[in-house]
Amino acid sequence: MSSSDQQEPQAIRPLEVLYCQICTFPPEYCEFGSSLTRCKEWLQGAHSQLFEKYYSDEALQSKIGTLSLEAQAKLEKDTAKKEAKAEAKADAALKKKMASQVSIKRIERNKRKHVTAIHGLEAFDIELKKAAKFLAQKFATGASVTKNAQGQDEIVVQGDVSDDVLELIEGGAGPLKGVPADNVVIIEEKKKKAAE
């Protein structure tokens, strides 16, 4: 075979797909998400030609034209119900987040040694392992994620660093961003003396 008989295969370029910044679906599937109204607003502002293609009055009429009046009313009612439910869920999550408390405990191990236990950070979507690593590097001590007596995860840092941790949380340093300073409580716990 000669080289003129063989043609070089043409490289196939990957298909670029646009994803909605609100629901993370492609724009043509936003209607199946729970935040269609916000998706439409984003699409109209960011990609008006796609908005015209999928959600203009003509496009909607062509989609709805095949449905009966009762089916159209039911579809609109279901969409409104789904959006209201999603908003209520988001509000409940926000209220729970704001009601959550982060407790920083200074625990005495023996007369001069202390550990600092930080509990409640997971309510603010903070990855505990990353936060423990950040605190270990910041204070040059050991830090780990362990389960406390109630079975919940907490970060245990060697040494009395409770005030420093509070300053880091208030400053929003590293992975501790997003925790309101009003929701942080410092607790001091003394070791109980053995019965004599």
N, C-alpha and C. Protein backbone atom coordinates (compact mmCIF):
# COMPACT_ATOMS: atom_id res chain seq x y z
N MET A 1 0.84 -1.18 0.00
CA MET A 1 0.00 0.00 0.00
C MET A 1 0.88 1.24 0.00
N SER A 2 0.50 2.14 -0.79
CA SER A 2 1.29 3.37 -0.85
C SER A 2 0.69 4.39 0.13
N SER A 3 1.46 5.40 0.41
CA SER A 3 1.02 6.41 1.36
C SER A 3 -0.13 7.24 0.82
N SER A 4 -0.29 7.31 -0.50
CA SER A 4 -1.38 8.10 -1.07
C SER A 4 -2.72 7.39 -0.91
N ASP A 5 -2.71 6.04 -0.74
CA ASP A 5 -3.96 5.30 -0.56
C ASP A 5 -4.57 5.53 0.83
N GLN A 6 -3.70 5.75 1.80
CA GLN A 6 -4.19 5.93 3.18
C GLN A 6 -4.40 7.41 3.46
N GLN A 7 -5.52 7.71 4.04
CA GLN A 7 -5.80 9.08 4.44
C GLN A 7 -5.68 9.16 5.96
N GLU A 8 -5.15 10.25 6.41
CA GLU A 8 -5.04 10.42 7.85
C GLU A 8 -6.43 10.62 8.45
N PRO A 9 -6.71 9.93 9.55
CA PRO A 9 -8.03 10.12 10.17
C PRO A 9 -8.15 11.54 10.72
N GLN A 10 -9.29 12.13 10.49
CA GLN A 10 -9.52 13.48 10.95
C GLN A 10 -9.90 13.45 12.43
N ALA A 11 -9.27 14.29 13.21
CA ALA A 11 -9.54 14.33 14.65
C ALA A 11 -10.95 14.84 14.90
N ILE A 12 -11.66 14.15 15.75
CA ILE A 12 -13.02 14.55 16.10
C ILE A 12 -12.94 15.43 17.34
N ARG A 13 -13.47 16.61 17.21
CA ARG A 13 -13.43 17.55 18.34
C ARG A 13 -14.51 17.17 19.35
N PRO A 14 -14.20 17.31 20.64
CA PRO A 14 -15.22 17.00 21.66
C PRO A 14 -16.36 18.01 21.61
N LEU A 15 -17.52 17.55 21.93
CA LEU A 15 -18.71 18.39 21.93
C LEU A 15 -18.72 19.22 23.21
N GLU A 16 -18.92 20.52 23.08
CA GLU A 16 -18.99 21.39 24.24
C GLU A 16 -20.45 21.56 24.65
N VAL A 17 -20.74 21.23 25.90
CA VAL A 17 -22.10 21.29 26.41
C VAL A 17 -22.19 22.41 27.43
N LEU A 18 -23.20 23.24 27.30
CA LEU A 18 -23.45 24.32 28.25
C LEU A 18 -24.31 23.79 29.38
N TYR A 19 -23.92 24.10 30.62
CA TYR A 19 -24.69 23.67 31.78
C TYR A 19 -25.21 24.89 32.52
N CYS A 20 -26.42 24.77 33.04
CA CYS A 20 -27.06 25.83 33.79
C CYS A 20 -26.30 26.06 35.10
N GLN A 21 -26.09 27.31 35.46
CA GLN A 21 -25.37 27.63 36.70
C GLN A 21 -26.25 27.47 37.93
N ILE A 22 -27.55 27.31 37.75
CA ILE A 22 -28.48 27.19 38.88
C ILE A 22 -28.73 25.73 39.23
N CYS A 23 -29.19 24.94 38.24
CA CYS A 23 -29.56 23.55 38.52
C CYS A 23 -28.54 22.53 38.01
N THR A 24 -27.54 22.97 37.30
CA THR A 24 -26.45 22.16 36.71
C THR A 24 -26.92 21.20 35.62
N PHE A 25 -28.14 21.34 35.12
CA PHE A 25 -28.61 20.57 33.98
C PHE A 25 -28.28 21.36 32.71
N PRO A 26 -28.26 20.70 31.55
CA PRO A 26 -28.21 21.48 30.31
C PRO A 26 -29.49 22.32 30.22
N PRO A 27 -29.44 23.49 29.55
CA PRO A 27 -30.60 24.40 29.56
C PRO A 27 -31.90 23.77 29.05
N GLU A 28 -31.80 22.84 28.12
CA GLU A 28 -33.04 22.24 27.61
C GLU A 28 -33.70 21.31 28.63
N TYR A 29 -32.98 20.96 29.72
CA TYR A 29 -33.54 20.08 30.75
C TYR A 29 -33.83 20.81 32.06
N CYS A 30 -33.67 22.12 32.08
CA CYS A 30 -33.93 22.89 33.31
C CYS A 30 -35.37 22.71 33.79
N GLU A 31 -36.29 22.48 32.87
CA GLU A 31 -37.69 22.35 33.25
C GLU A 31 -37.93 21.15 34.16
N PHE A 32 -37.00 20.20 34.21
CA PHE A 32 -37.16 19.02 35.06
C PHE A 32 -36.54 19.24 36.44
N GLY A 33 -35.86 20.37 36.64
CA GLY A 33 -35.28 20.70 37.94
C GLY A 33 -36.32 21.35 38.83
N SER A 34 -35.89 21.74 40.02
CA SER A 34 -36.84 22.33 40.96
C SER A 34 -36.77 23.85 40.99
N SER A 35 -35.94 24.46 40.16
CA SER A 35 -35.80 25.93 40.19
C SER A 35 -35.89 26.51 38.79
N LEU A 36 -36.95 26.20 38.09
CA LEU A 36 -37.12 26.60 36.69
C LEU A 36 -37.13 28.12 36.53
N THR A 37 -37.77 28.84 37.43
CA THR A 37 -37.87 30.30 37.30
C THR A 37 -36.49 30.94 37.38
N ARG A 38 -35.68 30.53 38.36
CA ARG A 38 -34.33 31.08 38.49
C ARG A 38 -33.46 30.65 37.31
N CYS A 39 -33.66 29.44 36.82
CA CYS A 39 -32.90 28.97 35.64
C CYS A 39 -33.22 29.83 34.42
N LYS A 40 -34.50 30.15 34.25
CA LYS A 40 -34.90 30.98 33.12
C LYS A 40 -34.26 32.36 33.20
N GLU A 41 -34.25 32.94 34.42
CA GLU A 41 -33.65 34.27 34.60
C GLU A 41 -32.16 34.23 34.25
N TRP A 42 -31.46 33.19 34.72
CA TRP A 42 -30.03 33.07 34.43
C TRP A 42 -29.79 32.91 32.93
N LEU A 43 -30.58 32.04 32.29
CA LEU A 43 -30.41 31.78 30.87
C LEU A 43 -30.70 33.03 30.04
N GLN A 44 -31.72 33.79 30.43
CA GLN A 44 -32.05 35.01 29.69
C GLN A 44 -30.92 36.03 29.80
N GLY A 45 -30.30 36.13 30.97
CA GLY A 45 -29.22 37.09 31.14
C GLY A 45 -27.91 36.64 30.51
N ALA A 46 -27.58 35.35 30.60
CA ALA A 46 -26.29 34.86 30.14
C ALA A 46 -26.29 34.43 28.67
N HIS A 47 -27.37 33.78 28.22
CA HIS A 47 -27.44 33.24 26.85
C HIS A 47 -28.84 33.51 26.29
N SER A 48 -29.05 34.73 25.84
CA SER A 48 -30.40 35.11 25.40
C SER A 48 -30.87 34.33 24.17
N GLN A 49 -29.95 33.94 23.27
CA GLN A 49 -30.38 33.20 22.08
C GLN A 49 -30.90 31.81 22.46
N LEU A 50 -30.29 31.17 23.47
CA LEU A 50 -30.81 29.88 23.92
C LEU A 50 -32.13 30.05 24.65
N PHE A 51 -32.26 31.15 25.38
CA PHE A 51 -33.53 31.42 26.06
C PHE A 51 -34.65 31.55 25.04
N GLU A 52 -34.39 32.27 23.96
CA GLU A 52 -35.39 32.41 22.90
C GLU A 52 -35.73 31.07 22.27
N LYS A 53 -34.72 30.21 22.13
CA LYS A 53 -34.94 28.91 21.50
C LYS A 53 -35.82 28.00 22.37
N TYR A 54 -35.59 28.01 23.69
CA TYR A 54 -36.29 27.07 24.57
C TYR A 54 -37.49 27.64 25.31
N TYR A 55 -37.45 28.93 25.67
CA TYR A 55 -38.47 29.46 26.56
C TYR A 55 -39.20 30.70 26.04
N SER A 56 -39.04 31.04 24.78
CA SER A 56 -39.81 32.16 24.24
C SER A 56 -41.27 31.74 24.12
N ASP A 57 -42.16 32.72 23.91
CA ASP A 57 -43.59 32.41 23.84
C ASP A 57 -43.90 31.43 22.71
N GLU A 58 -43.23 31.60 21.56
CA GLU A 58 -43.48 30.69 20.43
C GLU A 58 -43.04 29.27 20.76
N ALA A 59 -41.86 29.14 21.38
CA ALA A 59 -41.35 27.81 21.73
C ALA A 59 -42.26 27.13 22.75
N LEU A 60 -42.72 27.91 23.73
CA LEU A 60 -43.60 27.33 24.73
C LEU A 60 -44.95 26.95 24.14
N GLN A 61 -45.47 27.78 23.24
CA GLN A 61 -46.74 27.46 22.60
C GLN A 61 -46.63 26.19 21.77
N SER A 62 -45.52 26.02 21.07
CA SER A 62 -45.36 24.80 20.27
C SER A 62 -45.25 23.56 21.15
N LYS A 63 -44.64 23.71 22.34
CA LYS A 63 -44.55 22.58 23.27
C LYS A 63 -45.90 22.27 23.90
N ILE A 64 -46.60 23.34 24.31
CA ILE A 64 -47.85 23.16 25.04
C ILE A 64 -49.01 22.89 24.10
N GLY A 65 -48.87 23.25 22.84
CA GLY A 65 -49.96 23.10 21.89
C GLY A 65 -50.53 21.70 21.82
N THR A 66 -49.73 20.70 22.11
CA THR A 66 -50.20 19.32 22.04
C THR A 66 -50.92 18.89 23.31
N LEU A 67 -50.83 19.69 24.39
CA LEU A 67 -51.48 19.33 25.64
C LEU A 67 -52.89 19.89 25.70
N SER A 68 -53.74 19.21 26.45
CA SER A 68 -55.09 19.73 26.66
C SER A 68 -55.03 20.86 27.70
N LEU A 69 -56.12 21.61 27.85
CA LEU A 69 -56.14 22.71 28.81
C LEU A 69 -55.97 22.22 30.24
N GLU A 70 -56.59 21.08 30.56
CA GLU A 70 -56.45 20.54 31.92
C GLU A 70 -55.01 20.12 32.18
N ALA A 71 -54.37 19.51 31.19
CA ALA A 71 -52.98 19.08 31.34
C ALA A 71 -52.05 20.28 31.50
N GLN A 72 -52.34 21.37 30.77
CA GLN A 72 -51.53 22.58 30.90
C GLN A 72 -51.65 23.16 32.30
N ALA A 73 -52.88 23.23 32.81
CA ALA A 73 -53.10 23.77 34.15
C ALA A 73 -52.41 22.91 35.20
N LYS A 74 -52.50 21.60 35.04
CA LYS A 74 -51.87 20.69 35.99
C LYS A 74 -50.35 20.83 35.95
N LEU A 75 -49.81 20.97 34.74
CA LEU A 75 -48.36 21.13 34.59
C LEU A 75 -47.88 22.41 35.26
N GLU A 76 -48.59 23.51 35.06
CA GLU A 76 -48.21 24.77 35.70
C GLU A 76 -48.33 24.68 37.21
N LYS A 77 -49.37 24.02 37.70
CA LYS A 77 -49.58 23.87 39.14
C LYS A 77 -48.47 23.03 39.76
N ASP A 78 -48.10 21.92 39.08
CA ASP A 78 -47.03 21.06 39.58
C ASP A 78 -45.69 21.78 39.61
N THR A 79 -45.42 22.57 38.60
CA THR A 79 -44.17 23.32 38.54
C THR A 79 -44.10 24.33 39.68
N ALA A 80 -45.19 25.05 39.91
CA ALA A 80 -45.22 26.03 41.00
C ALA A 80 -45.05 25.34 42.35
N LYS A 81 -45.69 24.18 42.51
CA LYS A 81 -45.60 23.43 43.76
C LYS A 81 -44.16 22.95 44.00
N LYS A 82 -43.52 22.47 42.94
CA LYS A 82 -42.15 21.98 43.04
C LYS A 82 -41.18 23.10 43.41
N GLU A 83 -41.36 24.28 42.80
CA GLU A 83 -40.51 25.43 43.12
C GLU A 83 -40.72 25.89 44.55
N ALA A 84 -41.97 25.92 45.01
CA ALA A 84 -42.25 26.34 46.38
C ALA A 84 -41.62 25.36 47.38
N LYS A 85 -41.69 24.08 47.06
CA LYS A 85 -41.10 23.06 47.93
C LYS A 85 -39.59 23.21 48.00
N ALA A 86 -38.96 23.47 46.87
CA ALA A 86 -37.51 23.65 46.84
C ALA A 86 -37.09 24.89 47.63
N GLU A 87 -37.86 25.98 47.50
CA GLU A 87 -37.56 27.19 48.26
C GLU A 87 -37.72 26.97 49.75
N ALA A 88 -38.77 26.24 50.14
CA ALA A 88 -38.99 25.96 51.56
C ALA A 88 -37.87 25.09 52.12
N LYS A 89 -37.40 24.15 51.32
CA LYS A 89 -36.29 23.29 51.75
C LYS A 89 -35.01 24.11 51.92
N ALA A 90 -34.75 25.01 51.00
CA ALA A 90 -33.56 25.86 51.09
C ALA A 90 -33.65 26.79 52.32
N ASP A 91 -34.84 27.33 52.58
CA ASP A 91 -35.03 28.19 53.75
C ASP A 91 -34.83 27.42 55.04
N ALA A 92 -35.35 26.19 55.10
CA ALA A 92 -35.20 25.36 56.29
C ALA A 92 -33.72 25.03 56.53
N ALA A 93 -32.99 24.74 55.44
CA ALA A 93 -31.56 24.44 55.59
C ALA A 93 -30.81 25.66 56.08
N LEU A 94 -31.18 26.85 55.59
CA LEU A 94 -30.52 28.08 56.02
C LEU A 94 -30.81 28.36 57.50
N LYS A 95 -32.08 28.17 57.92
CA LYS A 95 -32.44 28.38 59.33
C LYS A 95 -31.68 27.41 60.23
N LYS A 96 -31.57 26.16 59.79
CA LYS A 96 -30.85 25.15 60.58
C LYS A 96 -29.38 25.53 60.68
N LYS A 97 -28.84 26.01 59.59
CA LYS A 97 -27.43 26.42 59.56
C LYS A 97 -27.20 27.58 60.53
N MET A 98 -28.11 28.56 60.53
CA MET A 98 -27.94 29.71 61.40
C MET A 98 -28.20 29.39 62.87
N ALA A 99 -28.98 28.35 63.13
CA ALA A 99 -29.25 27.95 64.51
C ALA A 99 -28.15 27.04 65.07
N SER A 100 -27.32 26.49 64.20
CA SER A 100 -26.26 25.58 64.63
C SER A 100 -25.18 26.33 65.39
N GLN A 101 -24.59 25.65 66.34
CA GLN A 101 -23.53 26.25 67.14
C GLN A 101 -22.24 25.46 66.96
N VAL A 102 -21.13 26.19 66.92
CA VAL A 102 -19.81 25.58 66.91
C VAL A 102 -19.26 25.73 68.32
N SER A 103 -18.94 24.61 68.96
CA SER A 103 -18.39 24.69 70.31
C SER A 103 -16.91 24.36 70.27
N ILE A 104 -16.14 25.21 70.95
CA ILE A 104 -14.69 25.00 71.07
C ILE A 104 -14.44 24.69 72.54
N LYS A 105 -14.05 23.44 72.84
CA LYS A 105 -13.84 23.02 74.22
C LYS A 105 -12.36 22.93 74.51
N ARG A 106 -11.96 23.49 75.62
CA ARG A 106 -10.59 23.35 76.12
C ARG A 106 -10.66 22.28 77.19
N ILE A 107 -10.07 21.13 76.91
CA ILE A 107 -10.17 19.98 77.82
C ILE A 107 -8.80 19.75 78.46
N GLU A 108 -8.79 19.65 79.79
CA GLU A 108 -7.55 19.42 80.53
C GLU A 108 -7.27 17.92 80.57
N ARG A 109 -6.10 17.52 80.06
CA ARG A 109 -5.72 16.11 80.09
C ARG A 109 -5.06 15.75 81.41
N ASN A 110 -4.06 16.49 81.82
CA ASN A 110 -3.49 16.38 83.15
C ASN A 110 -3.15 17.79 83.59
N LYS A 111 -2.37 17.97 84.62
CA LYS A 111 -2.22 19.30 85.20
C LYS A 111 -1.86 20.40 84.21
N ARG A 112 -0.92 20.14 83.29
CA ARG A 112 -0.49 21.21 82.40
C ARG A 112 -0.79 20.96 80.93
N LYS A 113 -1.31 19.82 80.60
CA LYS A 113 -1.56 19.49 79.19
C LYS A 113 -3.04 19.67 78.87
N HIS A 114 -3.30 20.22 77.69
CA HIS A 114 -4.68 20.46 77.25
C HIS A 114 -4.85 19.99 75.81
N VAL A 115 -6.10 19.72 75.45
CA VAL A 115 -6.47 19.51 74.05
C VAL A 115 -7.67 20.41 73.77
N THR A 116 -7.82 20.78 72.52
CA THR A 116 -8.95 21.62 72.11
C THR A 116 -9.82 20.81 71.17
N ALA A 117 -11.09 20.68 71.52
CA ALA A 117 -12.04 19.94 70.69
C ALA A 117 -13.01 20.93 70.04
N ILE A 118 -13.14 20.84 68.71
CA ILE A 118 -14.01 21.74 67.97
C ILE A 118 -15.15 20.90 67.38
N HIS A 119 -16.36 21.25 67.75
CA HIS A 119 -17.53 20.45 67.35
C HIS A 119 -18.57 21.35 66.68
N GLY A 120 -19.20 20.87 65.62
CA GLY A 120 -20.31 21.58 64.99
C GLY A 120 -19.95 22.23 63.67
N LEU A 121 -18.74 22.04 63.18
CA LEU A 121 -18.35 22.67 61.92
C LEU A 121 -19.04 22.06 60.70
N GLU A 122 -19.44 20.78 60.80
CA GLU A 122 -20.05 20.10 59.65
C GLU A 122 -21.39 20.73 59.27
N ALA A 123 -22.03 21.43 60.18
CA ALA A 123 -23.31 22.09 59.87
C ALA A 123 -23.11 23.24 58.88
N PHE A 124 -21.89 23.75 58.79
CA PHE A 124 -21.59 24.86 57.88
C PHE A 124 -20.85 24.39 56.64
N ASP A 125 -21.00 23.11 56.30
CA ASP A 125 -20.43 22.50 55.10
C ASP A 125 -18.91 22.63 55.05
N ILE A 126 -18.27 22.45 56.17
CA ILE A 126 -16.81 22.50 56.23
C ILE A 126 -16.31 21.06 56.30
N GLU A 127 -15.35 20.74 55.42
CA GLU A 127 -14.77 19.40 55.42
C GLU A 127 -13.84 19.30 56.62
N LEU A 128 -14.17 18.39 57.53
CA LEU A 128 -13.44 18.31 58.79
C LEU A 128 -11.99 17.88 58.61
N LYS A 129 -11.72 16.97 57.68
CA LYS A 129 -10.34 16.52 57.48
C LYS A 129 -9.46 17.66 56.98
N LYS A 130 -9.98 18.45 56.05
CA LYS A 130 -9.21 19.60 55.54
C LYS A 130 -9.00 20.62 56.65
N ALA A 131 -10.03 20.86 57.45
CA ALA A 131 -9.91 21.83 58.54
C ALA A 131 -8.90 21.34 59.58
N ALA A 132 -8.92 20.03 59.88
CA ALA A 132 -7.96 19.48 60.85
C ALA A 132 -6.54 19.62 60.33
N LYS A 133 -6.34 19.35 59.06
CA LYS A 133 -5.00 19.49 58.47
C LYS A 133 -4.55 20.95 58.50
N PHE A 134 -5.47 21.86 58.20
CA PHE A 134 -5.15 23.29 58.22
C PHE A 134 -4.74 23.72 59.64
N LEU A 135 -5.51 23.28 60.67
CA LEU A 135 -5.20 23.65 62.04
C LEU A 135 -3.88 23.04 62.51
N ALA A 136 -3.60 21.80 62.10
CA ALA A 136 -2.34 21.15 62.46
C ALA A 136 -1.16 21.92 61.88
N GLN A 137 -1.29 22.38 60.64
CA GLN A 137 -0.21 23.15 60.02
C GLN A 137 -0.09 24.53 60.66
N LYS A 138 -1.21 25.13 60.98
CA LYS A 138 -1.21 26.48 61.54
C LYS A 138 -0.54 26.52 62.92
N PHE A 139 -0.85 25.54 63.75
CA PHE A 139 -0.35 25.54 65.12
C PHE A 139 0.84 24.61 65.34
N ALA A 140 1.27 23.91 64.29
CA ALA A 140 2.40 22.97 64.37
C ALA A 140 2.18 21.95 65.49
N THR A 141 0.96 21.39 65.52
CA THR A 141 0.61 20.37 66.51
C THR A 141 -0.13 19.25 65.80
N GLY A 142 -0.50 18.26 66.56
CA GLY A 142 -1.30 17.18 66.01
C GLY A 142 -2.77 17.57 66.02
N ALA A 143 -3.49 17.19 64.98
CA ALA A 143 -4.93 17.44 64.92
C ALA A 143 -5.57 16.29 64.17
N SER A 144 -6.72 15.84 64.66
CA SER A 144 -7.39 14.71 64.00
C SER A 144 -8.90 14.87 64.11
N VAL A 145 -9.59 14.10 63.29
CA VAL A 145 -11.05 14.06 63.33
C VAL A 145 -11.43 12.78 64.06
N THR A 146 -12.17 12.91 65.17
CA THR A 146 -12.58 11.76 65.96
C THR A 146 -14.06 11.86 66.28
N LYS A 147 -14.61 10.78 66.80
CA LYS A 147 -16.00 10.78 67.23
C LYS A 147 -16.03 11.10 68.73
N ASN A 148 -16.96 11.96 69.12
CA ASN A 148 -17.08 12.28 70.54
C ASN A 148 -18.02 11.29 71.23
N ALA A 149 -18.32 11.54 72.49
CA ALA A 149 -19.15 10.61 73.27
C ALA A 149 -20.56 10.48 72.68
N GLN A 150 -21.05 11.51 72.01
CA GLN A 150 -22.39 11.46 71.41
C GLN A 150 -22.37 10.80 70.04
N GLY A 151 -21.19 10.42 69.54
CA GLY A 151 -21.08 9.76 68.24
C GLY A 151 -21.00 10.73 67.07
N GLN A 152 -20.74 12.00 67.36
CA GLN A 152 -20.63 13.00 66.30
C GLN A 152 -19.16 13.32 66.07
N ASP A 153 -18.84 13.72 64.83
CA ASP A 153 -17.45 14.03 64.50
C ASP A 153 -17.04 15.36 65.10
N GLU A 154 -15.78 15.41 65.56
CA GLU A 154 -15.21 16.64 66.05
C GLU A 154 -13.72 16.66 65.73
N ILE A 155 -13.14 17.85 65.73
CA ILE A 155 -11.71 17.99 65.48
C ILE A 155 -11.04 18.15 66.83
N VAL A 156 -10.01 17.33 67.09
CA VAL A 156 -9.25 17.43 68.33
C VAL A 156 -7.86 17.91 67.99
N VAL A 157 -7.48 19.07 68.57
CA VAL A 157 -6.17 19.68 68.34
C VAL A 157 -5.40 19.62 69.64
N GLN A 158 -4.15 19.17 69.58
CA GLN A 158 -3.33 19.12 70.79
C GLN A 158 -2.92 20.52 71.19
N GLY A 159 -3.03 20.81 72.48
CA GLY A 159 -2.62 22.11 72.99
C GLY A 159 -3.81 23.00 73.26
N ASP A 160 -3.58 24.07 74.02
CA ASP A 160 -4.61 25.04 74.35
C ASP A 160 -4.62 26.12 73.28
N VAL A 161 -5.39 25.90 72.22
CA VAL A 161 -5.44 26.84 71.10
C VAL A 161 -6.87 27.35 70.87
N SER A 162 -7.71 27.29 71.90
CA SER A 162 -9.12 27.64 71.73
C SER A 162 -9.30 29.09 71.30
N ASP A 163 -8.55 30.02 71.91
CA ASP A 163 -8.68 31.43 71.53
C ASP A 163 -8.17 31.66 70.12
N ASP A 164 -7.10 30.97 69.73
CA ASP A 164 -6.55 31.12 68.38
C ASP A 164 -7.52 30.57 67.34
N VAL A 165 -8.17 29.45 67.66
CA VAL A 165 -9.16 28.88 66.73
C VAL A 165 -10.33 29.84 66.56
N LEU A 166 -10.75 30.47 67.66
CA LEU A 166 -11.83 31.45 67.58
C LEU A 166 -11.44 32.60 66.66
N GLU A 167 -10.20 33.09 66.78
CA GLU A 167 -9.73 34.17 65.90
C GLU A 167 -9.72 33.73 64.45
N LEU A 168 -9.31 32.49 64.18
CA LEU A 168 -9.29 31.98 62.80
C LEU A 168 -10.70 31.89 62.23
N ILE A 169 -11.64 31.44 63.06
CA ILE A 169 -13.02 31.32 62.59
C ILE A 169 -13.60 32.71 62.32
N GLU A 170 -13.33 33.66 63.22
CA GLU A 170 -13.83 35.03 63.02
C GLU A 170 -13.22 35.66 61.78
N GLY A 171 -11.94 35.34 61.50
CA GLY A 171 -11.28 35.89 60.32
C GLY A 171 -11.62 35.15 59.05
N GLY A 172 -12.26 34.00 59.15
CA GLY A 172 -12.62 33.21 57.96
C GLY A 172 -11.40 32.67 57.26
N ALA A 173 -10.42 32.19 58.02
CA ALA A 173 -9.17 31.72 57.44
C ALA A 173 -9.31 30.31 56.86
N GLY A 174 -8.68 30.09 55.71
CA GLY A 174 -8.60 28.76 55.10
C GLY A 174 -9.95 28.10 54.92
N PRO A 175 -10.04 26.82 55.30
CA PRO A 175 -11.30 26.09 55.12
C PRO A 175 -12.38 26.45 56.15
N LEU A 176 -12.08 27.39 57.06
CA LEU A 176 -13.05 27.77 58.09
C LEU A 176 -13.94 28.93 57.66
N LYS A 177 -13.97 29.24 56.37
CA LYS A 177 -14.81 30.33 55.86
C LYS A 177 -16.28 29.95 55.97
N GLY A 178 -17.11 30.93 56.23
CA GLY A 178 -18.55 30.69 56.21
C GLY A 178 -19.16 30.39 57.55
N VAL A 179 -18.38 30.42 58.63
CA VAL A 179 -18.93 30.18 59.97
C VAL A 179 -19.15 31.54 60.63
N PRO A 180 -20.40 31.91 60.94
CA PRO A 180 -20.64 33.19 61.60
C PRO A 180 -20.02 33.20 63.01
N ALA A 181 -19.36 34.29 63.36
CA ALA A 181 -18.69 34.38 64.67
C ALA A 181 -19.71 34.35 65.81
N ASP A 182 -20.95 34.74 65.55
CA ASP A 182 -21.98 34.73 66.61
C ASP A 182 -22.36 33.31 67.03
N ASN A 183 -22.10 32.34 66.16
CA ASN A 183 -22.49 30.96 66.43
C ASN A 183 -21.38 30.15 67.10
N VAL A 184 -20.32 30.80 67.55
CA VAL A 184 -19.18 30.09 68.14
C VAL A 184 -19.20 30.30 69.65
N VAL A 185 -19.04 29.20 70.40
CA VAL A 185 -19.05 29.23 71.85
C VAL A 185 -17.79 28.54 72.36
N ILE A 186 -17.11 29.16 73.33
CA ILE A 186 -15.93 28.53 73.94
C ILE A 186 -16.35 27.95 75.29
N ILE A 187 -16.01 26.67 75.50
CA ILE A 187 -16.36 25.97 76.73
C ILE A 187 -15.07 25.45 77.35
N GLU A 188 -14.93 25.62 78.66
CA GLU A 188 -13.75 25.08 79.34
C GLU A 188 -14.19 23.90 80.18
N GLU A 189 -13.48 22.78 79.99
CA GLU A 189 -13.86 21.55 80.69
C GLU A 189 -12.67 21.08 81.50
N LYS A 190 -12.84 20.97 82.82
CA LYS A 190 -11.75 20.51 83.68
C LYS A 190 -11.84 19.00 83.84
N LYS A 191 -10.68 18.39 84.04
CA LYS A 191 -10.66 16.94 84.27
C LYS A 191 -11.18 16.66 85.67
N LYS A 192 -12.06 15.67 85.77
CA LYS A 192 -12.64 15.35 87.08
C LYS A 192 -11.60 14.59 87.90
N LYS A 193 -11.48 14.96 89.15
CA LYS A 193 -10.53 14.29 90.03
C LYS A 193 -11.09 12.93 90.43
N ALA A 194 -10.17 11.97 90.53
CA ALA A 194 -10.59 10.62 90.91
C ALA A 194 -11.05 10.63 92.37
N ALA A 195 -12.03 9.81 92.68
CA ALA A 195 -12.54 9.73 94.05
C ALA A 195 -11.47 9.13 94.96
N GLU A 196 -11.26 9.74 96.12
CA GLU A 196 -10.22 9.26 97.04
C GLU A 196 -10.78 8.35 98.07
